[in-house]
Amino acid sequence: MLATSFIKPSEIITAVTMAVSDTEFKKGIPEGYYKSLVQKAMEEMALDSLFHKEFLDVPIDKVKLQ
């Protein structure tokens, strides 16, 4: 995996619910709880997953400044 690759929270939740045999959320743990655990884990790892900065250099017309 590249450092610029993203993993969706749903991919993590799918893997976890398969590991605990609760893919349909019937064991009393709602999907929102899993999402909050993913968010807490991201905060603990000090990763800012809400913002992704990308830079793009574009040519500018020096006369029109466009």
N, C-alpha and C. Protein backbone atom coordinates (compact mmCIF):
# COMPACT_ATOMS: atom_id res chain seq x y z
N MET A 1 0.84 -1.17 0.00
CA MET A 1 0.00 0.00 0.00
C MET A 1 0.88 1.24 0.00
N LEU A 2 0.48 2.24 -0.74
CA LEU A 2 1.21 3.49 -0.78
C LEU A 2 0.81 4.37 0.39
N ALA A 3 1.68 5.29 0.74
CA ALA A 3 1.38 6.21 1.85
C ALA A 3 0.22 7.13 1.49
N THR A 4 -0.03 7.32 0.20
CA THR A 4 -1.12 8.20 -0.21
C THR A 4 -2.42 7.44 -0.43
N SER A 5 -2.43 6.15 -0.19
CA SER A 5 -3.64 5.37 -0.35
C SER A 5 -4.56 5.57 0.84
N PHE A 6 -5.84 5.49 0.58
CA PHE A 6 -6.82 5.63 1.64
C PHE A 6 -7.55 4.32 1.85
N ILE A 7 -7.91 4.05 3.08
CA ILE A 7 -8.74 2.91 3.41
C ILE A 7 -10.04 3.46 3.95
N LYS A 8 -11.12 3.05 3.38
CA LYS A 8 -12.43 3.52 3.84
C LYS A 8 -12.77 2.86 5.17
N PRO A 9 -13.44 3.59 6.05
CA PRO A 9 -13.86 2.98 7.32
C PRO A 9 -14.72 1.74 7.11
N SER A 10 -15.52 1.73 6.04
CA SER A 10 -16.38 0.58 5.78
C SER A 10 -15.54 -0.68 5.50
N GLU A 11 -14.36 -0.52 4.91
CA GLU A 11 -13.49 -1.68 4.66
C GLU A 11 -12.98 -2.25 5.98
N ILE A 12 -12.65 -1.38 6.91
CA ILE A 12 -12.18 -1.83 8.23
C ILE A 12 -13.31 -2.52 8.98
N ILE A 13 -14.49 -1.90 8.94
CA ILE A 13 -15.64 -2.45 9.65
C ILE A 13 -16.03 -3.80 9.07
N THR A 14 -15.97 -3.94 7.75
CA THR A 14 -16.28 -5.22 7.12
C THR A 14 -15.32 -6.30 7.60
N ALA A 15 -14.04 -5.99 7.64
CA ALA A 15 -13.05 -6.97 8.09
C ALA A 15 -13.28 -7.35 9.55
N VAL A 16 -13.58 -6.37 10.37
CA VAL A 16 -13.79 -6.64 11.80
C VAL A 16 -15.05 -7.46 12.03
N THR A 17 -16.15 -7.07 11.38
CA THR A 17 -17.40 -7.81 11.60
C THR A 17 -17.31 -9.23 11.06
N MET A 18 -16.52 -9.44 10.02
CA MET A 18 -16.31 -10.81 9.55
C MET A 18 -15.49 -11.61 10.56
N ALA A 19 -14.52 -10.96 11.19
CA ALA A 19 -13.68 -11.64 12.17
C ALA A 19 -14.47 -12.05 13.42
N VAL A 20 -15.48 -11.25 13.78
CA VAL A 20 -16.28 -11.57 14.97
C VAL A 20 -17.62 -12.20 14.61
N SER A 21 -17.78 -12.59 13.35
CA SER A 21 -18.99 -13.26 12.87
C SER A 21 -20.25 -12.45 13.14
N ASP A 22 -20.21 -11.17 12.82
CA ASP A 22 -21.37 -10.29 13.03
C ASP A 22 -21.55 -9.36 11.83
N THR A 23 -21.55 -9.94 10.62
CA THR A 23 -21.61 -9.12 9.41
C THR A 23 -22.95 -8.42 9.25
N GLU A 24 -23.99 -8.90 9.92
CA GLU A 24 -25.32 -8.28 9.80
C GLU A 24 -25.68 -7.47 11.04
N PHE A 25 -24.72 -7.25 11.94
CA PHE A 25 -24.90 -6.44 13.15
C PHE A 25 -26.07 -6.97 14.00
N LYS A 26 -26.16 -8.28 14.17
CA LYS A 26 -27.25 -8.88 14.94
C LYS A 26 -26.85 -9.25 16.36
N LYS A 27 -25.58 -9.01 16.73
CA LYS A 27 -25.12 -9.39 18.07
C LYS A 27 -25.23 -8.24 19.07
N GLY A 28 -25.96 -7.20 18.72
CA GLY A 28 -26.18 -6.10 19.65
C GLY A 28 -25.22 -4.94 19.53
N ILE A 29 -24.24 -5.03 18.65
CA ILE A 29 -23.30 -3.93 18.47
C ILE A 29 -23.64 -3.23 17.16
N PRO A 30 -24.10 -1.98 17.22
CA PRO A 30 -24.49 -1.27 15.99
C PRO A 30 -23.28 -0.83 15.16
N GLU A 31 -23.54 -0.57 13.89
CA GLU A 31 -22.48 -0.14 12.98
C GLU A 31 -21.84 1.16 13.45
N GLY A 32 -22.63 2.06 14.04
CA GLY A 32 -22.11 3.32 14.53
C GLY A 32 -21.04 3.15 15.60
N TYR A 33 -21.17 2.11 16.41
CA TYR A 33 -20.16 1.84 17.43
C TYR A 33 -18.83 1.48 16.78
N TYR A 34 -18.90 0.65 15.74
CA TYR A 34 -17.68 0.29 15.02
C TYR A 34 -17.04 1.54 14.40
N LYS A 35 -17.88 2.42 13.85
CA LYS A 35 -17.36 3.65 13.24
C LYS A 35 -16.67 4.53 14.28
N SER A 36 -17.25 4.61 15.48
CA SER A 36 -16.63 5.43 16.51
C SER A 36 -15.30 4.82 16.96
N LEU A 37 -15.20 3.50 16.97
CA LEU A 37 -13.93 2.87 17.31
C LEU A 37 -12.86 3.15 16.26
N VAL A 38 -13.25 3.17 14.99
CA VAL A 38 -12.30 3.49 13.93
C VAL A 38 -11.82 4.93 14.10
N GLN A 39 -12.75 5.84 14.40
CA GLN A 39 -12.37 7.24 14.60
C GLN A 39 -11.43 7.39 15.78
N LYS A 40 -11.73 6.72 16.89
CA LYS A 40 -10.85 6.79 18.06
C LYS A 40 -9.47 6.24 17.75
N ALA A 41 -9.42 5.17 16.98
CA ALA A 41 -8.13 4.58 16.61
C ALA A 41 -7.32 5.56 15.77
N MET A 42 -7.98 6.25 14.85
CA MET A 42 -7.29 7.24 14.02
C MET A 42 -6.76 8.37 14.87
N GLU A 43 -7.53 8.81 15.84
CA GLU A 43 -7.08 9.88 16.74
C GLU A 43 -5.89 9.42 17.57
N GLU A 44 -5.93 8.17 18.01
CA GLU A 44 -4.82 7.64 18.81
C GLU A 44 -3.54 7.54 17.98
N MET A 45 -3.68 7.27 16.71
CA MET A 45 -2.51 7.18 15.85
C MET A 45 -2.07 8.56 15.35
N ALA A 46 -2.79 9.59 15.77
CA ALA A 46 -2.49 10.98 15.42
C ALA A 46 -2.49 11.20 13.92
N LEU A 47 -3.43 10.56 13.25
CA LEU A 47 -3.60 10.78 11.82
C LEU A 47 -4.79 11.69 11.59
N ASP A 48 -4.62 12.66 10.74
CA ASP A 48 -5.72 13.54 10.40
C ASP A 48 -6.36 13.01 9.13
N SER A 49 -7.44 12.28 9.30
CA SER A 49 -8.05 11.63 8.15
C SER A 49 -9.11 12.48 7.47
N LEU A 50 -9.39 13.67 7.98
CA LEU A 50 -10.44 14.49 7.41
C LEU A 50 -9.95 15.36 6.26
N PHE A 51 -8.66 15.64 6.21
CA PHE A 51 -8.13 16.53 5.19
C PHE A 51 -7.00 15.86 4.44
N HIS A 52 -7.06 15.98 3.15
CA HIS A 52 -5.99 15.46 2.30
C HIS A 52 -5.52 16.61 1.42
N LYS A 53 -4.27 17.01 1.57
CA LYS A 53 -3.74 18.13 0.81
C LYS A 53 -3.09 17.63 -0.47
N GLU A 54 -3.49 18.24 -1.55
CA GLU A 54 -2.86 17.97 -2.84
C GLU A 54 -2.50 19.30 -3.47
N PHE A 55 -1.37 19.33 -4.13
CA PHE A 55 -0.90 20.56 -4.77
C PHE A 55 -0.80 20.31 -6.27
N LEU A 56 -1.17 21.33 -7.03
CA LEU A 56 -1.14 21.23 -8.47
C LEU A 56 -0.56 22.51 -9.04
N ASP A 57 0.47 22.38 -9.82
CA ASP A 57 1.06 23.53 -10.49
C ASP A 57 0.39 23.71 -11.85
N VAL A 58 -0.13 24.90 -12.09
CA VAL A 58 -0.79 25.17 -13.36
C VAL A 58 -0.10 26.38 -14.01
N PRO A 59 0.01 26.39 -15.33
CA PRO A 59 0.61 27.52 -15.98
C PRO A 59 -0.32 28.75 -15.92
N ILE A 60 0.25 29.94 -15.68
CA ILE A 60 -0.54 31.17 -15.59
C ILE A 60 -0.08 32.12 -16.69
N ASP A 61 -1.05 32.68 -17.37
CA ASP A 61 -0.76 33.67 -18.41
C ASP A 61 -0.23 34.93 -17.71
N LYS A 62 0.99 35.31 -18.02
CA LYS A 62 1.63 36.45 -17.33
C LYS A 62 0.99 37.78 -17.68
N VAL A 63 0.31 37.87 -18.81
CA VAL A 63 -0.33 39.11 -19.21
C VAL A 63 -1.70 39.24 -18.55
N LYS A 64 -2.49 38.20 -18.64
CA LYS A 64 -3.85 38.24 -18.08
C LYS A 64 -3.91 37.83 -16.62
N LEU A 65 -2.83 37.24 -16.12
CA LEU A 65 -2.77 36.70 -14.76
C LEU A 65 -3.93 35.73 -14.49
N GLN A 66 -4.20 34.92 -15.50
CA GLN A 66 -5.26 33.90 -15.35
C GLN A 66 -4.64 32.52 -15.45
